[in-house]
Amino acid sequence: MRIMFVGDINIGEYYTAFGHGPKSHAEKSDIFDNVREVLLQADIVAGNLEAAISTYNFDPTKVESAVLRGNPEHADQLASAGFKVLQIANNHTVQHGKEAFQETAETLRSLNIDPIGIDGQDVVIHKVGSQSFGFLAASDVPDNTDIDQTSYQRLNSIFLEKVSRSVSRVDHLFIMLHWGLESSTKPLDYQREIITDLVNMGVRGVIGTHPHLFYEVWKQKDSIAAPSLGNFVFDLFWDPRLLASGILDIELSKDCISSCRIWPVTISDCSGKPVLSGDPVVIENQSKLYDLGENMNGEQLRKIIKFIKDFPKGNKSLKRQFIVKKLLGQI
């Protein structure tokens, strides 16, 4: 049996790429056309959906309404690429309100994709042949649009207790976490501690997102640890490290991981679409595909330079609104 994981998926558009990011390209092409052949080899494909897919209260002329919002009409591209599980426990799925969050979950379900990480949700179980696979998800990233949100599951003691109870219910339990710091080029100490705790519980894999960088992946006991799989479909075009990605490809027998490898992926800085960029790399004990450096110093300057360079592209009206709101401290 074979399962694949990818990182952050935004089928909407970020502030700096209005009109030339994934959402615009999804209107005329398949976002996943360059990676589909690999993804469809898996029995289950899972990832982190980093933006709402909703038309609730949508105003295409307002920057805050348009940002990080996918079109439900494009969601079928996720299904046709083989996605069966998508995490929606993250700080952007509730950015457009509880109703948009709920519409996102309903849209996924209508495509036979399980949304995971909903507050209070039980373990989601998939069966492939004689094997069973469980999925749980949570986030510990503060949400600046709804600090007191109750839509998605938080990473807390209640969640960890649920994980402990769920391990024995399936052959393989995978935990997907939205966590860490965007500014960090390596896993934080608390992440390593939680990974160790989860592995000791019997979790088969810990899959992380949020830093937007593809960290090292390693084997720990009978488990796989991938604290951050970076971006997969995203339009953060100002730093090549934000465009370096991969597909985590795991083969499993009834009670263990048979093999594990990573398919290197580069995100196009014209569209935010993932493109295969090399042969798969086998993970023996640990694999570090990319040199991320010591820090992300200078990122804001690179972001400004890239934004100025790309300003003539796409939706200039929304980009102007973004500049004004940014200068006024409203974003």
C-alpha atoms as a PDB file:
ATOM      1  CA  MET A   1       0.000   0.000   0.000  1.00  0.00           C
ATOM      2  CA  ARG A   2       1.238   3.478  -0.860  1.00  0.00           C
ATOM      3  CA  ILE A   3       0.469   6.869   0.663  1.00  0.00           C
ATOM      4  CA  MET A   4       1.795  10.289  -0.373  1.00  0.00           C
ATOM      5  CA  PHE A   5       1.895  13.549   1.556  1.00  0.00           C
ATOM      6  CA  VAL A   6       2.433  17.095   0.297  1.00  0.00           C
ATOM      7  CA  GLY A   7       2.670  20.463   2.021  1.00  0.00           C
ATOM      8  CA  ASP A   8       0.653  23.678   1.847  1.00  0.00           C
ATOM      9  CA  ILE A   9      -1.933  23.979  -0.925  1.00  0.00           C
ATOM     10  CA  ASN A  10      -3.365  27.380  -1.801  1.00  0.00           C
ATOM     11  CA  ILE A  11      -5.675  27.299  -4.808  1.00  0.00           C
ATOM     12  CA  GLY A  12      -6.445  30.949  -4.145  1.00  0.00           C
ATOM     13  CA  GLU A  13      -3.908  33.788  -4.322  1.00  0.00           C
ATOM     14  CA  TYR A  14      -1.667  35.654  -1.899  1.00  0.00           C
ATOM     15  CA  TYR A  15      -1.600  39.478  -1.750  1.00  0.00           C
ATOM     16  CA  THR A  16       1.478  39.796  -3.948  1.00  0.00           C
ATOM     17  CA  ALA A  17       0.174  37.564  -6.766  1.00  0.00           C
ATOM     18  CA  PHE A  18      -3.409  38.674  -7.374  1.00  0.00           C
ATOM     19  CA  GLY A  19      -4.308  37.819 -10.959  1.00  0.00           C
ATOM     20  CA  HIS A  20      -1.296  35.594 -11.678  1.00  0.00           C
ATOM     21  CA  GLY A  21      -1.311  33.027  -8.873  1.00  0.00           C
ATOM     22  CA  PRO A  22      -2.850  29.534  -8.657  1.00  0.00           C
ATOM     23  CA  LYS A  23      -6.481  30.714  -8.721  1.00  0.00           C
ATOM     24  CA  SER A  24      -6.026  32.566 -11.998  1.00  0.00           C
ATOM     25  CA  HIS A  25      -4.129  29.682 -13.571  1.00  0.00           C
ATOM     26  CA  ALA A  26      -6.746  27.166 -12.397  1.00  0.00           C
ATOM     27  CA  GLU A  27      -9.253  28.995 -14.611  1.00  0.00           C
ATOM     28  CA  LYS A  28      -7.363  27.956 -17.737  1.00  0.00           C
ATOM     29  CA  SER A  29      -5.284  24.897 -16.781  1.00  0.00           C
ATOM     30  CA  ASP A  30      -4.918  22.066 -14.299  1.00  0.00           C
ATOM     31  CA  ILE A  31      -2.855  23.111 -11.282  1.00  0.00           C
ATOM     32  CA  PHE A  32      -1.554  19.559 -10.813  1.00  0.00           C
ATOM     33  CA  ASP A  33      -0.867  18.597 -14.438  1.00  0.00           C
ATOM     34  CA  ASN A  34       2.909  18.387 -13.880  1.00  0.00           C
ATOM     35  CA  VAL A  35       2.704  16.091 -10.834  1.00  0.00           C
ATOM     36  CA  ARG A  36      -0.484  14.153 -11.514  1.00  0.00           C
ATOM     37  CA  GLU A  37       1.276  11.088 -12.933  1.00  0.00           C
ATOM     38  CA  VAL A  38       3.180  10.561  -9.668  1.00  0.00           C
ATOM     39  CA  LEU A  39       0.292  11.386  -7.325  1.00  0.00           C
ATOM     40  CA  LEU A  40      -2.048   8.934  -9.034  1.00  0.00           C
ATOM     41  CA  GLN A  41       0.342   6.087  -8.207  1.00  0.00           C
ATOM     42  CA  ALA A  42      -0.701   6.386  -4.540  1.00  0.00           C
ATOM     43  CA  ASP A  43      -3.654   4.733  -2.841  1.00  0.00           C
ATOM     44  CA  ILE A  44      -4.109   7.843  -0.686  1.00  0.00           C
ATOM     45  CA  VAL A  45      -2.811  11.377  -1.225  1.00  0.00           C
ATOM     46  CA  ALA A  46      -2.963  13.841   1.683  1.00  0.00           C
ATOM     47  CA  GLY A  47      -1.989  17.478   2.113  1.00  0.00           C
ATOM     48  CA  ASN A  48      -2.677  20.717   3.967  1.00  0.00           C
ATOM     49  CA  LEU A  49      -5.302  22.979   2.412  1.00  0.00           C
ATOM     50  CA  GLU A  50      -3.995  26.432   3.311  1.00  0.00           C
ATOM     51  CA  ALA A  51      -6.928  28.534   2.092  1.00  0.00           C
ATOM     52  CA  ALA A  52     -10.698  28.470   2.234  1.00  0.00           C
ATOM     53  CA  ILE A  53     -12.598  27.242  -0.822  1.00  0.00           C
ATOM     54  CA  SER A  54     -15.729  29.325  -0.600  1.00  0.00           C
ATOM     55  CA  THR A  55     -17.872  32.036  -2.187  1.00  0.00           C
ATOM     56  CA  TYR A  56     -19.454  33.018   1.127  1.00  0.00           C
ATOM     57  CA  ASN A  57     -19.527  36.854   1.392  1.00  0.00           C
ATOM     58  CA  PHE A  58     -17.019  36.996  -1.475  1.00  0.00           C
ATOM     59  CA  ASP A  59     -16.323  40.437  -2.933  1.00  0.00           C
ATOM     60  CA  PRO A  60     -13.710  40.209  -5.712  1.00  0.00           C
ATOM     61  CA  THR A  61     -13.056  43.961  -5.472  1.00  0.00           C
ATOM     62  CA  LYS A  62     -11.977  43.855  -1.818  1.00  0.00           C
ATOM     63  CA  VAL A  63      -8.437  42.753  -1.032  1.00  0.00           C
ATOM     64  CA  GLU A  64      -9.247  41.105   2.300  1.00  0.00           C
ATOM     65  CA  SER A  65     -12.154  39.201   0.753  1.00  0.00           C
ATOM     66  CA  ALA A  66     -10.097  37.979  -2.197  1.00  0.00           C
ATOM     67  CA  VAL A  67      -6.873  36.908  -0.495  1.00  0.00           C
ATOM     68  CA  LEU A  68      -6.252  33.182   0.088  1.00  0.00           C
ATOM     69  CA  ARG A  69      -9.687  32.163  -1.168  1.00  0.00           C
ATOM     70  CA  GLY A  70     -10.121  29.373  -3.695  1.00  0.00           C
ATOM     71  CA  ASN A  71     -13.005  28.954  -6.109  1.00  0.00           C
ATOM     72  CA  PRO A  72     -15.204  25.888  -5.406  1.00  0.00           C
ATOM     73  CA  GLU A  73     -15.375  25.377  -9.187  1.00  0.00           C
ATOM     74  CA  HIS A  74     -11.648  24.516  -9.145  1.00  0.00           C
ATOM     75  CA  ALA A  75     -11.826  22.073  -6.221  1.00  0.00           C
ATOM     76  CA  ASP A  76     -12.388  19.127  -8.559  1.00  0.00           C
ATOM     77  CA  GLN A  77      -8.730  19.472  -9.560  1.00  0.00           C
ATOM     78  CA  LEU A  78      -7.838  18.267  -6.062  1.00  0.00           C
ATOM     79  CA  ALA A  79      -9.978  15.164  -6.474  1.00  0.00           C
ATOM     80  CA  SER A  80      -8.704  14.361  -9.947  1.00  0.00           C
ATOM     81  CA  ALA A  81      -5.119  14.572  -8.631  1.00  0.00           C
ATOM     82  CA  GLY A  82      -5.886  11.763  -6.188  1.00  0.00           C
ATOM     83  CA  PHE A  83      -6.369  13.679  -2.928  1.00  0.00           C
ATOM     84  CA  LYS A  84      -8.377  11.697  -0.399  1.00  0.00           C
ATOM     85  CA  VAL A  85      -7.477  13.602   2.791  1.00  0.00           C
ATOM     86  CA  LEU A  86      -6.924  17.335   3.301  1.00  0.00           C
ATOM     87  CA  GLN A  87      -6.070  19.047   6.570  1.00  0.00           C
ATOM     88  CA  ILE A  88      -8.107  22.187   7.239  1.00  0.00           C
ATOM     89  CA  ALA A  89      -6.769  22.838  10.740  1.00  0.00           C
ATOM     90  CA  ASN A  90      -4.687  25.915   9.984  1.00  0.00           C
ATOM     91  CA  ASN A  91      -4.741  29.663  10.433  1.00  0.00           C
ATOM     92  CA  HIS A  92      -6.100  30.531   6.970  1.00  0.00           C
ATOM     93  CA  THR A  93      -9.112  28.234   6.591  1.00  0.00           C
ATOM     94  CA  VAL A  94     -11.117  30.406   9.017  1.00  0.00           C
ATOM     95  CA  GLN A  95      -9.799  33.668   7.584  1.00  0.00           C
ATOM     96  CA  HIS A  96     -13.094  34.321   5.791  1.00  0.00           C
ATOM     97  CA  GLY A  97     -15.330  33.252   8.656  1.00  0.00           C
ATOM     98  CA  LYS A  98     -16.911  30.148  10.109  1.00  0.00           C
ATOM     99  CA  GLU A  99     -19.375  29.822   7.234  1.00  0.00           C
ATOM    100  CA  ALA A 100     -16.566  29.819   4.660  1.00  0.00           C
ATOM    101  CA  PHE A 101     -14.761  27.179   6.730  1.00  0.00           C
ATOM    102  CA  GLN A 102     -17.890  25.019   6.746  1.00  0.00           C
ATOM    103  CA  GLU A 103     -18.396  25.483   3.000  1.00  0.00           C
ATOM    104  CA  THR A 104     -14.789  24.393   2.458  1.00  0.00           C
ATOM    105  CA  ALA A 105     -15.400  21.171   4.389  1.00  0.00           C
ATOM    106  CA  GLU A 106     -18.672  20.526   2.546  1.00  0.00           C
ATOM    107  CA  THR A 107     -17.042  21.116  -0.833  1.00  0.00           C
ATOM    108  CA  LEU A 108     -14.314  18.596  -0.040  1.00  0.00           C
ATOM    109  CA  ARG A 109     -16.829  16.007   1.139  1.00  0.00           C
ATOM    110  CA  SER A 110     -18.836  16.418  -2.062  1.00  0.00           C
ATOM    111  CA  LEU A 111     -15.680  15.343  -3.931  1.00  0.00           C
ATOM    112  CA  ASN A 112     -15.082  12.350  -1.627  1.00  0.00           C
ATOM    113  CA  ILE A 113     -12.156  14.102   0.050  1.00  0.00           C
ATOM    114  CA  ASP A 114     -12.092  13.883   3.841  1.00  0.00           C
ATOM    115  CA  PRO A 115     -11.446  17.214   5.582  1.00  0.00           C
ATOM    116  CA  ILE A 116      -9.519  16.553   8.796  1.00  0.00           C
ATOM    117  CA  GLY A 117      -8.699  18.721  11.783  1.00  0.00           C
ATOM    118  CA  ILE A 118     -12.249  19.855  12.506  1.00  0.00           C
ATOM    119  CA  ASP A 119     -12.770  20.669  16.171  1.00  0.00           C
ATOM    120  CA  GLY A 120     -13.955  17.591  18.062  1.00  0.00           C
ATOM    121  CA  GLN A 121     -13.581  15.332  15.029  1.00  0.00           C
ATOM    122  CA  ASP A 122     -12.929  11.629  15.577  1.00  0.00           C
ATOM    123  CA  VAL A 123     -10.091   9.844  13.798  1.00  0.00           C
ATOM    124  CA  VAL A 124     -10.795   9.552  10.051  1.00  0.00           C
ATOM    125  CA  ILE A 125     -10.198   5.996   8.857  1.00  0.00           C
ATOM    126  CA  HIS A 126      -9.461   4.758   5.337  1.00  0.00           C
ATOM    127  CA  LYS A 127      -9.192   1.089   4.440  1.00  0.00           C
ATOM    128  CA  VAL A 128      -7.070  -0.129   1.547  1.00  0.00           C
ATOM    129  CA  GLY A 129      -7.157  -3.867   1.111  1.00  0.00           C
ATOM    130  CA  SER A 130      -6.492  -5.449   4.496  1.00  0.00           C
ATOM    131  CA  GLN A 131      -4.838  -2.333   5.966  1.00  0.00           C
ATOM    132  CA  SER A 132      -6.445   0.544   7.852  1.00  0.00           C
ATOM    133  CA  PHE A 133      -5.125   4.104   8.002  1.00  0.00           C
ATOM    134  CA  GLY A 134      -6.132   6.758  10.492  1.00  0.00           C
ATOM    135  CA  PHE A 135      -5.734  10.517  10.191  1.00  0.00           C
ATOM    136  CA  LEU A 136      -5.916  13.241  12.821  1.00  0.00           C
ATOM    137  CA  ALA A 137      -4.906  16.897  12.451  1.00  0.00           C
ATOM    138  CA  ALA A 138      -4.455  19.971  14.622  1.00  0.00           C
ATOM    139  CA  SER A 139      -2.884  23.431  14.621  1.00  0.00           C
ATOM    140  CA  ASP A 140      -1.037  25.477  17.212  1.00  0.00           C
ATOM    141  CA  VAL A 141      -0.604  28.564  15.014  1.00  0.00           C
ATOM    142  CA  PRO A 142      -2.434  31.618  16.447  1.00  0.00           C
ATOM    143  CA  ASP A 143      -5.203  32.868  14.173  1.00  0.00           C
ATOM    144  CA  ASN A 144      -5.062  36.640  13.787  1.00  0.00           C
ATOM    145  CA  THR A 145      -8.549  36.876  12.246  1.00  0.00           C
ATOM    146  CA  ASP A 146     -10.376  34.840  14.896  1.00  0.00           C
ATOM    147  CA  ILE A 147      -8.325  34.277  18.034  1.00  0.00           C
ATOM    148  CA  ASP A 148     -11.180  32.440  19.744  1.00  0.00           C
ATOM    149  CA  GLN A 149     -12.074  30.253  16.753  1.00  0.00           C
ATOM    150  CA  THR A 150     -13.719  26.912  17.483  1.00  0.00           C
ATOM    151  CA  SER A 151     -13.847  25.575  13.920  1.00  0.00           C
ATOM    152  CA  TYR A 152     -10.614  23.591  13.812  1.00  0.00           C
ATOM    153  CA  GLN A 153      -8.788  21.387  16.291  1.00  0.00           C
ATOM    154  CA  ARG A 154      -6.060  22.951  18.373  1.00  0.00           C
ATOM    155  CA  LEU A 155      -2.851  21.125  19.249  1.00  0.00           C
ATOM    156  CA  ASN A 156      -3.344  20.653  22.977  1.00  0.00           C
ATOM    157  CA  SER A 157      -3.551  17.984  25.679  1.00  0.00           C
ATOM    158  CA  ILE A 158      -7.075  17.017  24.604  1.00  0.00           C
ATOM    159  CA  PHE A 159      -5.833  16.332  21.088  1.00  0.00           C
ATOM    160  CA  LEU A 160      -2.847  14.326  22.321  1.00  0.00           C
ATOM    161  CA  GLU A 161      -5.152  12.189  24.461  1.00  0.00           C
ATOM    162  CA  LYS A 162      -7.280  11.534  21.370  1.00  0.00           C
ATOM    163  CA  VAL A 163      -4.158  10.469  19.480  1.00  0.00           C
ATOM    164  CA  SER A 164      -3.241   8.041  22.261  1.00  0.00           C
ATOM    165  CA  ARG A 165      -6.715   6.473  22.149  1.00  0.00           C
ATOM    166  CA  SER A 166      -6.709   6.208  18.360  1.00  0.00           C
ATOM    167  CA  VAL A 167      -3.423   4.361  17.800  1.00  0.00           C
ATOM    168  CA  SER A 168      -4.898   0.928  18.520  1.00  0.00           C
ATOM    169  CA  ARG A 169      -7.874   1.485  16.225  1.00  0.00           C
ATOM    170  CA  VAL A 170      -5.877   1.336  12.985  1.00  0.00           C
ATOM    171  CA  ASP A 171      -2.812  -0.317  11.501  1.00  0.00           C
ATOM    172  CA  HIS A 172      -1.193   3.040  10.741  1.00  0.00           C
ATOM    173  CA  LEU A 173      -2.017   6.384  12.354  1.00  0.00           C
ATOM    174  CA  PHE A 174      -0.781   9.598  10.732  1.00  0.00           C
ATOM    175  CA  ILE A 175      -0.828  12.920  12.564  1.00  0.00           C
ATOM    176  CA  MET A 176      -0.853  16.108  10.499  1.00  0.00           C
ATOM    177  CA  LEU A 177       0.164  19.271  12.350  1.00  0.00           C
ATOM    178  CA  HIS A 178       0.183  22.942  11.406  1.00  0.00           C
ATOM    179  CA  TRP A 179       2.889  24.321  13.664  1.00  0.00           C
ATOM    180  CA  GLY A 180       6.279  25.948  14.135  1.00  0.00           C
ATOM    181  CA  LEU A 181       7.498  29.332  12.919  1.00  0.00           C
ATOM    182  CA  GLU A 182       7.577  30.740   9.400  1.00  0.00           C
ATOM    183  CA  SER A 183      10.922  32.392  10.145  1.00  0.00           C
ATOM    184  CA  SER A 184      12.647  29.186  11.237  1.00  0.00           C
ATOM    185  CA  THR A 185      14.755  27.203   8.760  1.00  0.00           C
ATOM    186  CA  LYS A 186      14.806  24.127  10.999  1.00  0.00           C
ATOM    187  CA  PRO A 187      12.471  22.288  13.388  1.00  0.00           C
ATOM    188  CA  LEU A 188      12.076  23.851  16.812  1.00  0.00           C
ATOM    189  CA  ASP A 189      12.903  21.939  19.987  1.00  0.00           C
ATOM    190  CA  TYR A 190       9.257  21.620  21.012  1.00  0.00           C
ATOM    191  CA  GLN A 191       8.421  20.067  17.638  1.00  0.00           C
ATOM    192  CA  ARG A 192      11.086  17.408  18.072  1.00  0.00           C
ATOM    193  CA  GLU A 193       9.780  16.697  21.578  1.00  0.00           C
ATOM    194  CA  ILE A 194       6.196  16.262  20.367  1.00  0.00           C
ATOM    195  CA  ILE A 195       7.362  14.044  17.493  1.00  0.00           C
ATOM    196  CA  THR A 196       9.159  11.806  19.999  1.00  0.00           C
ATOM    197  CA  ASP A 197       6.061  11.656  22.210  1.00  0.00           C
ATOM    198  CA  LEU A 198       3.849  10.734  19.241  1.00  0.00           C
ATOM    199  CA  VAL A 199       6.281   8.117  17.969  1.00  0.00           C
ATOM    200  CA  ASN A 200       6.405   6.567  21.439  1.00  0.00           C
ATOM    201  CA  MET A 201       2.599   6.371  21.382  1.00  0.00           C
ATOM    202  CA  GLY A 202       2.821   4.286  18.213  1.00  0.00           C
ATOM    203  CA  VAL A 203       2.011   6.908  15.576  1.00  0.00           C
ATOM    204  CA  ARG A 204       3.274   5.832  12.140  1.00  0.00           C
ATOM    205  CA  GLY A 205       3.968   9.307  10.793  1.00  0.00           C
ATOM    206  CA  VAL A 206       4.050  12.961  11.885  1.00  0.00           C
ATOM    207  CA  ILE A 207       3.537  15.306   8.960  1.00  0.00           C
ATOM    208  CA  GLY A 208       3.919  19.056   9.477  1.00  0.00           C
ATOM    209  CA  THR A 209       3.267  22.321   7.664  1.00  0.00           C
ATOM    210  CA  HIS A 210       3.246  26.109   8.217  1.00  0.00           C
ATOM    211  CA  PRO A 211       6.919  27.220   7.970  1.00  0.00           C
ATOM    212  CA  HIS A 212       6.589  27.180   4.112  1.00  0.00           C
ATOM    213  CA  LEU A 213       9.989  25.474   3.947  1.00  0.00           C
ATOM    214  CA  PHE A 214      10.786  21.829   3.199  1.00  0.00           C
ATOM    215  CA  TYR A 215      12.663  20.539   6.257  1.00  0.00           C
ATOM    216  CA  GLU A 216      14.646  17.331   6.627  1.00  0.00           C
ATOM    217  CA  VAL A 217      12.696  14.075   6.856  1.00  0.00           C
ATOM    218  CA  TRP A 218      13.835  11.198   9.061  1.00  0.00           C
ATOM    219  CA  LYS A 219      12.937   7.750  10.329  1.00  0.00           C
ATOM    220  CA  GLN A 220      12.405   7.380  14.054  1.00  0.00           C
ATOM    221  CA  LYS A 221      11.780   3.865  15.379  1.00  0.00           C
ATOM    222  CA  ASP A 222       8.980   2.480  13.164  1.00  0.00           C
ATOM    223  CA  SER A 223       7.778   5.918  12.137  1.00  0.00           C
ATOM    224  CA  ILE A 224       8.514   8.735   9.715  1.00  0.00           C
ATOM    225  CA  ALA A 225       8.948  12.348  10.839  1.00  0.00           C
ATOM    226  CA  ALA A 226       8.422  15.223   8.399  1.00  0.00           C
ATOM    227  CA  PRO A 227       8.011  18.377  10.518  1.00  0.00           C
ATOM    228  CA  SER A 228       7.473  20.656   7.506  1.00  0.00           C
ATOM    229  CA  LEU A 229       6.771  19.699   3.895  1.00  0.00           C
ATOM    230  CA  GLY A 230       6.887  23.321   2.775  1.00  0.00           C
ATOM    231  CA  ASN A 231       4.678  24.680   0.019  1.00  0.00           C
ATOM    232  CA  PHE A 232       3.156  22.563  -2.736  1.00  0.00           C
ATOM    233  CA  VAL A 233       0.773  24.903  -4.538  1.00  0.00           C
ATOM    234  CA  PHE A 234       1.566  28.451  -3.495  1.00  0.00           C
ATOM    235  CA  ASP A 235       2.486  31.887  -4.815  1.00  0.00           C
ATOM    236  CA  LEU A 236       5.178  33.053  -2.401  1.00  0.00           C
ATOM    237  CA  PHE A 237       7.565  33.859  -5.230  1.00  0.00           C
ATOM    238  CA  TRP A 238      10.224  36.028  -3.583  1.00  0.00           C
ATOM    239  CA  ASP A 239      12.650  33.398  -2.227  1.00  0.00           C
ATOM    240  CA  PRO A 240      13.789  30.204  -4.002  1.00  0.00           C
ATOM    241  CA  ARG A 241      13.614  28.309  -0.702  1.00  0.00           C
ATOM    242  CA  LEU A 242       9.847  28.906  -0.670  1.00  0.00           C
ATOM    243  CA  LEU A 243       9.643  27.243  -4.100  1.00  0.00           C
ATOM    244  CA  ALA A 244      11.609  24.110  -3.150  1.00  0.00           C
ATOM    245  CA  SER A 245       9.222  21.283  -2.344  1.00  0.00           C
ATOM    246  CA  GLY A 246       8.613  17.570  -2.585  1.00  0.00           C
ATOM    247  CA  ILE A 247       6.199  14.650  -2.444  1.00  0.00           C
ATOM    248  CA  LEU A 248       6.695  12.295   0.505  1.00  0.00           C
ATOM    249  CA  ASP A 249       6.050   8.784  -0.847  1.00  0.00           C
ATOM    250  CA  ILE A 250       5.622   5.993   1.743  1.00  0.00           C
ATOM    251  CA  GLU A 251       5.042   2.295   1.134  1.00  0.00           C
ATOM    252  CA  LEU A 252       3.677   0.242   4.023  1.00  0.00           C
ATOM    253  CA  SER A 253       3.125  -3.375   4.920  1.00  0.00           C
ATOM    254  CA  LYS A 254       0.623  -4.450   7.556  1.00  0.00           C
ATOM    255  CA  ASP A 255       2.758  -3.384  10.506  1.00  0.00           C
ATOM    256  CA  CYS A 256       5.648  -1.236   9.276  1.00  0.00           C
ATOM    257  CA  ILE A 257       7.055   1.170   6.693  1.00  0.00           C
ATOM    258  CA  SER A 258       8.505  -0.822   3.786  1.00  0.00           C
ATOM    259  CA  SER A 259      10.171   2.100   2.043  1.00  0.00           C
ATOM    260  CA  CYS A 260      10.137   5.871   1.934  1.00  0.00           C
ATOM    261  CA  ARG A 261      11.312   8.384  -0.641  1.00  0.00           C
ATOM    262  CA  ILE A 262      10.857  11.999  -1.686  1.00  0.00           C
ATOM    263  CA  TRP A 263      10.075  13.225  -5.184  1.00  0.00           C
ATOM    264  CA  PRO A 264      11.760  16.648  -5.559  1.00  0.00           C
ATOM    265  CA  VAL A 265       9.386  19.377  -6.727  1.00  0.00           C
ATOM    266  CA  THR A 266       9.913  22.979  -7.763  1.00  0.00           C
ATOM    267  CA  ILE A 267       7.054  25.472  -7.626  1.00  0.00           C
ATOM    268  CA  SER A 268       6.768  27.626 -10.738  1.00  0.00           C
ATOM    269  CA  ASP A 269       7.390  31.299  -9.943  1.00  0.00           C
ATOM    270  CA  CYS A 270       4.973  32.216 -12.724  1.00  0.00           C
ATOM    271  CA  SER A 271       1.916  30.322 -11.500  1.00  0.00           C
ATOM    272  CA  GLY A 272       2.538  28.677  -8.120  1.00  0.00           C
ATOM    273  CA  LYS A 273       2.069  25.245  -9.691  1.00  0.00           C
ATOM    274  CA  PRO A 274       4.234  22.258  -8.627  1.00  0.00           C
ATOM    275  CA  VAL A 275       6.609  20.734 -11.192  1.00  0.00           C
ATOM    276  CA  LEU A 276       8.655  17.549 -10.741  1.00  0.00           C
ATOM    277  CA  SER A 277      12.348  18.447 -10.676  1.00  0.00           C
ATOM    278  CA  GLY A 278      14.268  15.200 -10.262  1.00  0.00           C
ATOM    279  CA  ASP A 279      14.334  11.505  -9.511  1.00  0.00           C
ATOM    280  CA  PRO A 280      13.021  10.297  -6.142  1.00  0.00           C
ATOM    281  CA  VAL A 281      15.452  10.330  -3.209  1.00  0.00           C
ATOM    282  CA  VAL A 282      15.333   7.289  -0.938  1.00  0.00           C
ATOM    283  CA  ILE A 283      15.227   7.987   2.799  1.00  0.00           C
ATOM    284  CA  GLU A 284      17.473   5.566   4.655  1.00  0.00           C
ATOM    285  CA  ASN A 285      17.644   7.284   8.031  1.00  0.00           C
ATOM    286  CA  GLN A 286      17.444  10.987   7.269  1.00  0.00           C
ATOM    287  CA  SER A 287      17.165  13.067   4.111  1.00  0.00           C
ATOM    288  CA  LYS A 288      17.752  16.791   3.736  1.00  0.00           C
ATOM    289  CA  LEU A 289      16.907  17.783   0.179  1.00  0.00           C
ATOM    290  CA  TYR A 290      17.579  21.504   0.458  1.00  0.00           C
ATOM    291  CA  ASP A 291      20.050  23.794   2.193  1.00  0.00           C
ATOM    292  CA  LEU A 292      17.758  26.297   3.897  1.00  0.00           C
ATOM    293  CA  GLY A 293      20.525  28.319   5.515  1.00  0.00           C
ATOM    294  CA  GLU A 294      20.682  29.561   9.075  1.00  0.00           C
ATOM    295  CA  ASN A 295      17.776  32.009   8.844  1.00  0.00           C
ATOM    296  CA  MET A 296      15.402  33.961   6.574  1.00  0.00           C
ATOM    297  CA  ASN A 297      17.045  37.348   7.148  1.00  0.00           C
ATOM    298  CA  GLY A 298      16.283  39.845   4.379  1.00  0.00           C
ATOM    299  CA  GLU A 299      13.058  38.112   3.384  1.00  0.00           C
ATOM    300  CA  GLN A 300      10.936  41.263   3.591  1.00  0.00           C
ATOM    301  CA  LEU A 301      13.272  43.140   1.244  1.00  0.00           C
ATOM    302  CA  ARG A 302      13.198  40.263  -1.251  1.00  0.00           C
ATOM    303  CA  LYS A 303       9.419  40.230  -0.971  1.00  0.00           C
ATOM    304  CA  ILE A 304       9.174  43.949  -1.772  1.00  0.00           C
ATOM    305  CA  ILE A 305      11.545  43.699  -4.727  1.00  0.00           C
ATOM    306  CA  LYS A 306       9.632  40.764  -6.213  1.00  0.00           C
ATOM    307  CA  PHE A 307       6.301  42.493  -5.636  1.00  0.00           C
ATOM    308  CA  ILE A 308       7.497  45.614  -7.472  1.00  0.00           C
ATOM    309  CA  LYS A 309       8.826  43.502 -10.337  1.00  0.00           C
ATOM    310  CA  ASP A 310       5.548  41.577 -10.649  1.00  0.00           C
ATOM    311  CA  PHE A 311       3.235  44.548 -10.064  1.00  0.00           C
ATOM    312  CA  PRO A 312       2.359  44.969 -13.784  1.00  0.00           C
ATOM    313  CA  LYS A 313       1.019  41.410 -13.837  1.00  0.00           C
ATOM    314  CA  GLY A 314      -2.495  40.462 -12.869  1.00  0.00           C
ATOM    315  CA  ASN A 315      -4.946  42.530 -10.820  1.00  0.00           C
ATOM    316  CA  LYS A 316      -3.382  45.957 -10.214  1.00  0.00           C
ATOM    317  CA  SER A 317      -6.456  47.255  -8.366  1.00  0.00           C
ATOM    318  CA  LEU A 318      -6.184  44.644  -5.621  1.00  0.00           C
ATOM    319  CA  LYS A 319      -2.432  45.137  -5.451  1.00  0.00           C
ATOM    320  CA  ARG A 320      -2.886  48.890  -4.980  1.00  0.00           C
ATOM    321  CA  GLN A 321      -5.363  48.220  -2.173  1.00  0.00           C
ATOM    322  CA  PHE A 322      -2.808  45.931  -0.568  1.00  0.00           C
ATOM    323  CA  ILE A 323      -0.138  48.668  -0.672  1.00  0.00           C
ATOM    324  CA  VAL A 324      -2.447  51.254   0.886  1.00  0.00           C
ATOM    325  CA  LYS A 325      -3.634  48.926   3.647  1.00  0.00           C
ATOM    326  CA  LYS A 326      -0.081  47.824   4.328  1.00  0.00           C
ATOM    327  CA  LEU A 327       1.099  51.422   4.671  1.00  0.00           C
ATOM    328  CA  LEU A 328      -1.824  52.179   6.988  1.00  0.00           C
ATOM    329  CA  GLY A 329      -0.997  49.148   9.121  1.00  0.00           C
ATOM    330  CA  GLN A 330      -4.333  47.468   8.347  1.00  0.00           C
ATOM    331  CA  ILE A 331      -2.710  44.259   7.066  1.00  0.00           C
END
